[in-house]
Protein backbone atom coordinates (compact mmCIF):
# COMPACT_ATOMS: atom_id res chain seq x y z
CA MET A 1 32.16 8.95 -44.32
CA SER A 2 31.00 12.55 -44.36
CA SER A 3 29.89 14.36 -41.22
CA TYR A 4 26.39 14.64 -42.66
CA LYS A 5 26.08 10.86 -43.05
CA LYS A 6 27.40 10.34 -39.53
CA MET A 7 24.73 12.66 -38.18
CA ILE A 8 22.06 10.74 -40.11
CA LEU A 9 23.24 7.43 -38.64
CA LEU A 10 23.43 8.85 -35.13
CA SER A 11 19.91 10.28 -35.43
CA ALA A 12 18.60 6.92 -36.66
CA ALA A 13 20.21 5.17 -33.68
CA ALA A 14 18.63 7.68 -31.31
CA MET A 15 15.18 7.08 -32.83
CA ILE A 16 15.58 3.30 -32.41
CA LEU A 17 16.51 3.69 -28.75
CA LEU A 18 13.62 6.09 -28.20
CA GLY A 19 11.18 3.64 -29.73
CA SER A 20 12.44 0.75 -27.59
CA SER A 21 11.91 2.79 -24.41
CA CYS A 22 8.24 3.52 -25.10
CA VAL A 23 5.54 1.94 -22.92
CA SER A 24 2.39 0.70 -24.60
CA HIS A 25 -0.96 2.16 -23.60
CA ARG A 26 -2.18 -1.28 -22.53
CA ASP A 27 0.67 -1.60 -20.00
CA LEU A 28 -0.52 1.62 -18.33
CA ILE A 29 -3.97 0.20 -17.51
CA SER A 30 -4.72 -1.92 -14.46
CA LEU A 31 -7.27 -4.73 -14.76
CA ASN A 32 -6.90 -4.69 -18.55
CA GLY A 33 -7.80 -8.36 -19.00
CA GLU A 34 -10.61 -9.59 -21.19
CA ASP A 35 -13.81 -8.13 -19.77
CA PHE A 36 -17.16 -7.29 -21.32
CA TYR A 37 -17.30 -3.89 -23.00
CA PHE A 38 -20.47 -1.95 -23.68
CA SER A 39 -20.99 1.47 -25.15
CA PRO A 40 -22.56 4.07 -22.82
CA LYS A 41 -25.89 3.79 -24.61
CA ASP A 42 -26.07 0.06 -24.03
CA SER A 43 -27.39 -1.44 -20.84
CA MET A 44 -25.47 -4.33 -19.36
CA PRO A 45 -27.68 -7.24 -18.29
CA ASP A 46 -26.82 -8.72 -14.91
CA SER A 47 -26.21 -12.10 -16.54
CA MET A 48 -23.42 -10.60 -18.71
CA ALA A 49 -21.63 -8.59 -16.01
CA GLN A 50 -18.36 -10.06 -14.84
CA VAL A 51 -18.62 -10.82 -11.13
CA VAL A 52 -15.55 -11.92 -9.21
CA PRO A 53 -16.36 -13.24 -5.72
CA THR A 54 -14.06 -11.58 -3.20
CA PRO A 55 -12.84 -13.64 -0.26
CA ALA A 56 -14.42 -13.18 3.15
CA PHE A 57 -12.59 -10.50 5.10
CA GLN A 58 -10.53 -11.92 7.96
CA PRO A 59 -10.05 -9.44 10.83
CA TYR A 60 -6.44 -9.00 11.85
CA LYS A 61 -5.34 -10.97 14.91
CA VAL A 62 -2.80 -9.34 17.17
CA ARG A 63 0.78 -10.63 17.10
CA THR A 64 3.81 -10.04 19.26
CA ASN A 65 5.39 -6.56 19.04
CA ASP A 66 2.12 -5.01 17.86
CA GLN A 67 1.13 -1.67 19.37
CA LEU A 68 -2.31 -1.27 20.96
CA VAL A 69 -3.80 2.13 21.73
CA ILE A 70 -6.25 1.61 24.60
CA GLN A 71 -8.73 4.08 26.10
CA VAL A 72 -10.60 3.16 29.29
CA ASN A 73 -13.83 4.98 30.21
CA SER A 74 -15.79 4.55 33.41
CA PHE A 75 -18.96 5.89 35.05
CA GLU A 76 -18.25 9.00 37.13
CA GLY A 77 -21.32 11.21 36.78
CA SER A 78 -24.69 10.98 35.11
CA THR A 79 -25.52 8.20 32.70
CA GLY A 80 -25.90 10.69 29.87
CA ASP A 81 -22.42 12.14 30.51
CA PHE A 82 -20.95 8.66 30.51
CA ILE A 83 -22.61 7.72 27.21
CA ASN A 84 -21.51 10.97 25.60
CA GLN A 85 -17.97 10.54 26.91
CA ASN A 86 -17.77 6.99 25.60
CA GLN A 87 -19.17 7.99 22.20
CA GLY A 88 -16.74 10.90 21.98
CA ASN A 89 -13.77 8.68 22.72
CA GLN A 90 -14.83 6.18 20.10
CA ASN A 91 -15.13 8.87 17.43
CA GLY A 92 -12.16 11.04 18.33
CA PHE A 93 -10.06 9.06 20.80
CA ASN A 94 -10.18 11.98 23.24
CA ARG A 95 -9.58 14.31 20.29
CA LEU A 96 -5.86 13.56 20.27
CA GLN A 97 -3.97 13.68 17.00
CA TYR A 98 -2.12 10.37 16.67
CA ASP A 99 0.94 10.59 14.47
CA PRO A 100 3.29 7.56 14.37
CA SER A 101 5.58 8.84 17.14
CA THR A 102 2.63 9.71 19.40
CA VAL A 103 1.15 6.26 18.88
CA TYR A 104 4.44 4.63 19.79
CA PHE A 105 4.79 6.51 23.07
CA ASN A 106 1.10 6.19 24.01
CA SER A 107 0.48 2.55 23.20
CA TYR A 108 0.93 -0.82 24.87
CA SER A 109 3.43 -3.05 23.11
CA VAL A 110 2.62 -6.74 22.96
CA SER A 111 5.46 -8.65 24.59
CA ASP A 112 7.24 -11.61 23.04
CA SER A 113 5.21 -13.83 25.37
CA GLY A 114 1.96 -12.36 23.98
CA PHE A 115 0.87 -10.15 26.90
CA ILE A 116 0.19 -6.49 27.54
CA LYS A 117 0.54 -5.03 31.01
CA LEU A 118 -2.10 -2.55 32.19
CA PRO A 119 -2.43 -0.82 35.56
CA ILE A 120 -4.59 -2.81 38.02
CA LEU A 121 -5.04 -5.72 35.60
CA GLU A 122 -1.37 -6.65 35.32
CA GLU A 123 -0.70 -8.98 32.35
CA ILE A 124 -3.44 -9.70 29.83
CA PRO A 125 -2.96 -12.29 27.03
CA VAL A 126 -3.85 -10.71 23.66
CA VAL A 127 -1.97 -12.61 20.92
CA GLY A 128 -4.36 -14.31 18.52
CA LEU A 129 -7.27 -11.98 19.39
CA THR A 130 -8.86 -9.24 17.31
CA THR A 131 -9.14 -5.72 18.71
CA THR A 132 -12.87 -6.29 19.25
CA GLU A 133 -12.17 -9.44 21.25
CA ILE A 134 -9.54 -7.60 23.31
CA GLN A 135 -12.02 -4.83 24.00
CA THR A 136 -14.59 -7.35 25.28
CA LEU A 137 -11.94 -9.05 27.42
CA LEU A 138 -10.83 -5.78 29.03
CA ASP A 139 -14.41 -4.74 29.75
CA GLU A 140 -14.91 -7.97 31.70
CA GLU A 141 -11.59 -7.73 33.53
CA LEU A 142 -12.28 -4.13 34.61
CA LYS A 143 -15.75 -4.78 36.05
CA PRO A 144 -14.51 -5.46 39.62
CA TYR A 145 -12.61 -2.15 39.64
CA LEU A 146 -14.63 0.34 37.58
CA ARG A 147 -18.33 1.09 37.24
CA LEU A 148 -19.67 0.51 33.73
CA ALA A 149 -16.19 0.20 32.26
CA ALA A 150 -16.03 0.66 28.49
CA THR A 151 -12.76 0.31 26.63
CA ASN A 152 -11.77 1.31 23.12
CA VAL A 153 -8.92 -0.62 21.47
CA LYS A 154 -7.18 0.30 18.22
CA LEU A 155 -4.19 -1.19 16.44
CA GLY A 156 -1.52 1.51 16.41
CA ASN A 157 0.73 -0.08 13.79
CA ARG A 158 -1.89 -0.55 11.06
CA ARG A 159 0.45 0.32 8.21
CA VAL A 160 1.80 -1.03 4.93
CA THR A 161 5.06 -0.36 3.10
CA LEU A 162 4.98 0.37 -0.63
CA MET A 163 8.13 0.13 -2.74
CA GLY A 164 9.12 0.21 -6.38
CA GLU A 165 7.11 1.81 -9.17
CA VAL A 166 4.62 3.91 -7.21
CA GLN A 167 4.53 7.70 -7.15
CA ARG A 168 5.23 8.05 -3.40
CA PRO A 169 7.03 4.97 -2.05
CA GLY A 170 7.18 4.64 1.71
CA VAL A 171 5.07 3.71 4.72
CA GLN A 172 1.33 4.37 4.56
CA TYR A 173 -0.84 4.31 7.68
CA LEU A 174 -4.34 2.89 7.35
CA TYR A 175 -7.33 4.13 9.32
CA ASN A 176 -9.94 1.56 8.31
CA GLU A 177 -10.30 -1.99 9.52
CA LYS A 178 -10.79 -3.21 5.95
CA ASN A 179 -8.41 -1.96 3.23
CA THR A 180 -7.79 -3.33 -0.26
CA LEU A 181 -4.56 -3.61 -2.22
CA LEU A 182 -5.77 -1.04 -4.77
CA GLU A 183 -6.60 1.42 -1.98
CA ALA A 184 -3.11 1.03 -0.53
CA ILE A 185 -1.52 1.71 -3.94
CA SER A 186 -3.78 4.74 -4.37
CA LEU A 187 -2.52 6.15 -1.06
CA ALA A 188 0.99 6.03 -2.57
CA GLY A 189 -0.15 8.16 -5.52
CA ASP A 190 -0.92 5.28 -7.93
CA PHE A 191 1.48 3.51 -10.29
CA THR A 192 4.28 5.19 -12.22
CA PRO A 193 4.28 4.92 -16.05
CA PHE A 194 6.97 2.21 -15.82
CA SER A 195 5.20 -0.05 -13.32
CA ASP A 196 4.65 -3.68 -14.29
CA ARG A 197 1.10 -4.32 -13.14
CA ARG A 198 1.57 -8.01 -13.97
CA LYS A 199 4.16 -8.41 -11.23
CA VAL A 200 3.10 -6.85 -7.94
CA LYS A 201 4.78 -8.60 -5.05
CA VAL A 202 3.14 -8.81 -1.62
CA ILE A 203 5.16 -9.94 1.40
CA ARG A 204 3.04 -10.87 4.41
CA GLN A 205 3.82 -12.06 7.92
CA THR A 206 1.78 -15.10 8.92
CA ASP A 207 1.65 -17.37 11.96
CA THR A 208 3.79 -19.93 10.13
CA GLY A 209 6.34 -17.52 8.64
CA VAL A 210 6.69 -14.92 5.90
CA LYS A 211 4.64 -15.51 2.74
CA SER A 212 5.57 -13.90 -0.59
CA VAL A 213 3.40 -13.93 -3.72
CA TYR A 214 3.24 -12.21 -7.11
CA LEU A 215 -0.11 -10.82 -8.23
CA ASN A 216 -1.15 -9.93 -11.77
CA LEU A 217 -3.23 -6.77 -11.46
CA ASN A 218 -4.04 -6.90 -15.17
CA ARG A 219 -6.38 -9.80 -14.42
CA SER A 220 -9.42 -9.41 -12.25
CA ASP A 221 -9.04 -12.87 -10.72
CA PHE A 222 -6.61 -11.44 -8.16
CA LEU A 223 -9.73 -10.01 -6.50
CA ALA A 224 -10.58 -13.55 -5.37
CA THR A 225 -7.27 -14.11 -3.57
CA PRO A 226 -6.62 -13.57 0.17
CA PHE A 227 -4.27 -10.75 -0.84
CA TYR A 228 -7.08 -8.56 -2.17
CA TYR A 229 -7.32 -7.19 1.37
CA VAL A 230 -4.06 -5.90 2.83
CA GLN A 231 -3.00 -6.77 6.35
CA PRO A 232 -1.00 -4.60 8.77
CA ASN A 233 2.76 -4.73 8.10
CA ASP A 234 2.34 -5.96 4.50
CA VAL A 235 5.15 -4.99 2.10
CA ILE A 236 4.03 -4.23 -1.47
CA TYR A 237 6.64 -4.07 -4.22
CA VAL A 238 5.71 -3.00 -7.76
CA GLN A 239 8.25 -4.27 -10.26
CA PRO A 240 9.40 -1.98 -13.12
CA LEU A 241 8.84 -2.77 -16.78
CA LYS A 242 11.85 -3.67 -18.91
CA ALA A 243 11.21 -0.47 -20.83
CA LYS A 244 12.52 1.49 -17.85
CA SER A 245 16.04 0.12 -18.35
CA PHE A 246 15.86 1.17 -22.00
CA ASP A 247 14.66 4.59 -20.93
CA VAL A 248 17.56 5.08 -18.53
CA SER A 249 20.12 3.80 -21.05
CA SER A 250 18.63 5.88 -23.87
CA ARG A 251 19.09 9.03 -21.78
CA SER A 252 22.79 8.22 -21.35
CA VAL A 253 23.17 7.35 -25.02
CA GLY A 254 21.37 10.56 -25.93
CA VAL A 255 23.97 12.60 -24.08
CA VAL A 256 26.77 10.71 -25.85
CA ILE A 257 25.10 11.17 -29.25
CA SER A 258 24.67 14.89 -28.60
CA GLY A 259 28.36 15.17 -27.75
CA VAL A 260 29.42 13.22 -30.83
CA SER A 261 27.13 15.31 -33.04
CA LEU A 262 28.55 18.52 -31.62
CA ALA A 263 32.08 17.26 -32.21
CA ALA A 264 31.19 16.28 -35.79
CA VAL A 265 29.83 19.76 -36.48
CA ILE A 266 32.95 21.40 -35.05
CA VAL A 267 35.24 19.13 -37.10
CA SER A 268 33.19 19.86 -40.23
CA ILE A 269 33.54 23.60 -39.69
CA ILE A 270 37.29 23.32 -39.14
CA VAL A 271 37.79 21.12 -42.23
CA ARG A 272 35.87 23.56 -44.43
CA ARG A 273 38.11 26.40 -43.31
């Protein structure tokens, strides 16, 4: 077989591998299920719009080993100063910048028995309570010791871990009480071109153990599941498409083909001489 024919065959093989590694446009779109489509000039009647009822948001209840950042304010001067101080702490938490390490060293860790230990109050049971409920509890417990006590309680470890086919995998800290799965993925820079939106795995700690589910983000019905809202310490794994393995292998094969082609050219030149 001549060198020219070999090069033709090698080029054809490279084109086949390149085609098998391509990702379809549909696979790059989230929520690409069958919805109603209207042109911009058309108006969509309310009766035709697809409405997916989202589940009621369940506030996070504190568990053991959680980290609580607690600010305690009390009446020391005029009423106006106290109100302004309390409002300032709620908005800026004393204007401190809380990075993960600062939160760790300035928070109260919930013990394995479900308590936090504060000065004066000693041990306070907090497991199974929301941060709002803990705040109300502390306000009542501090009344005998402080005038007009007002506490501010935040969850310091409100974070999720994103892995797999996202642009910036890693730990993302959340600063809202209510966060959705799509918002968490957006914080990681969105999906990569090789992400399989049909297989997004969410691992969640519950009172009865660890729960693991696969969600199909190509279908809007995932919006009605309890996993539409993320919970602190969730792990989100986006599985790669099969095309990614073809893409990696095609790169290796491409290097081999280039080497073989170069060798064929050199041999052809030598033979002609």
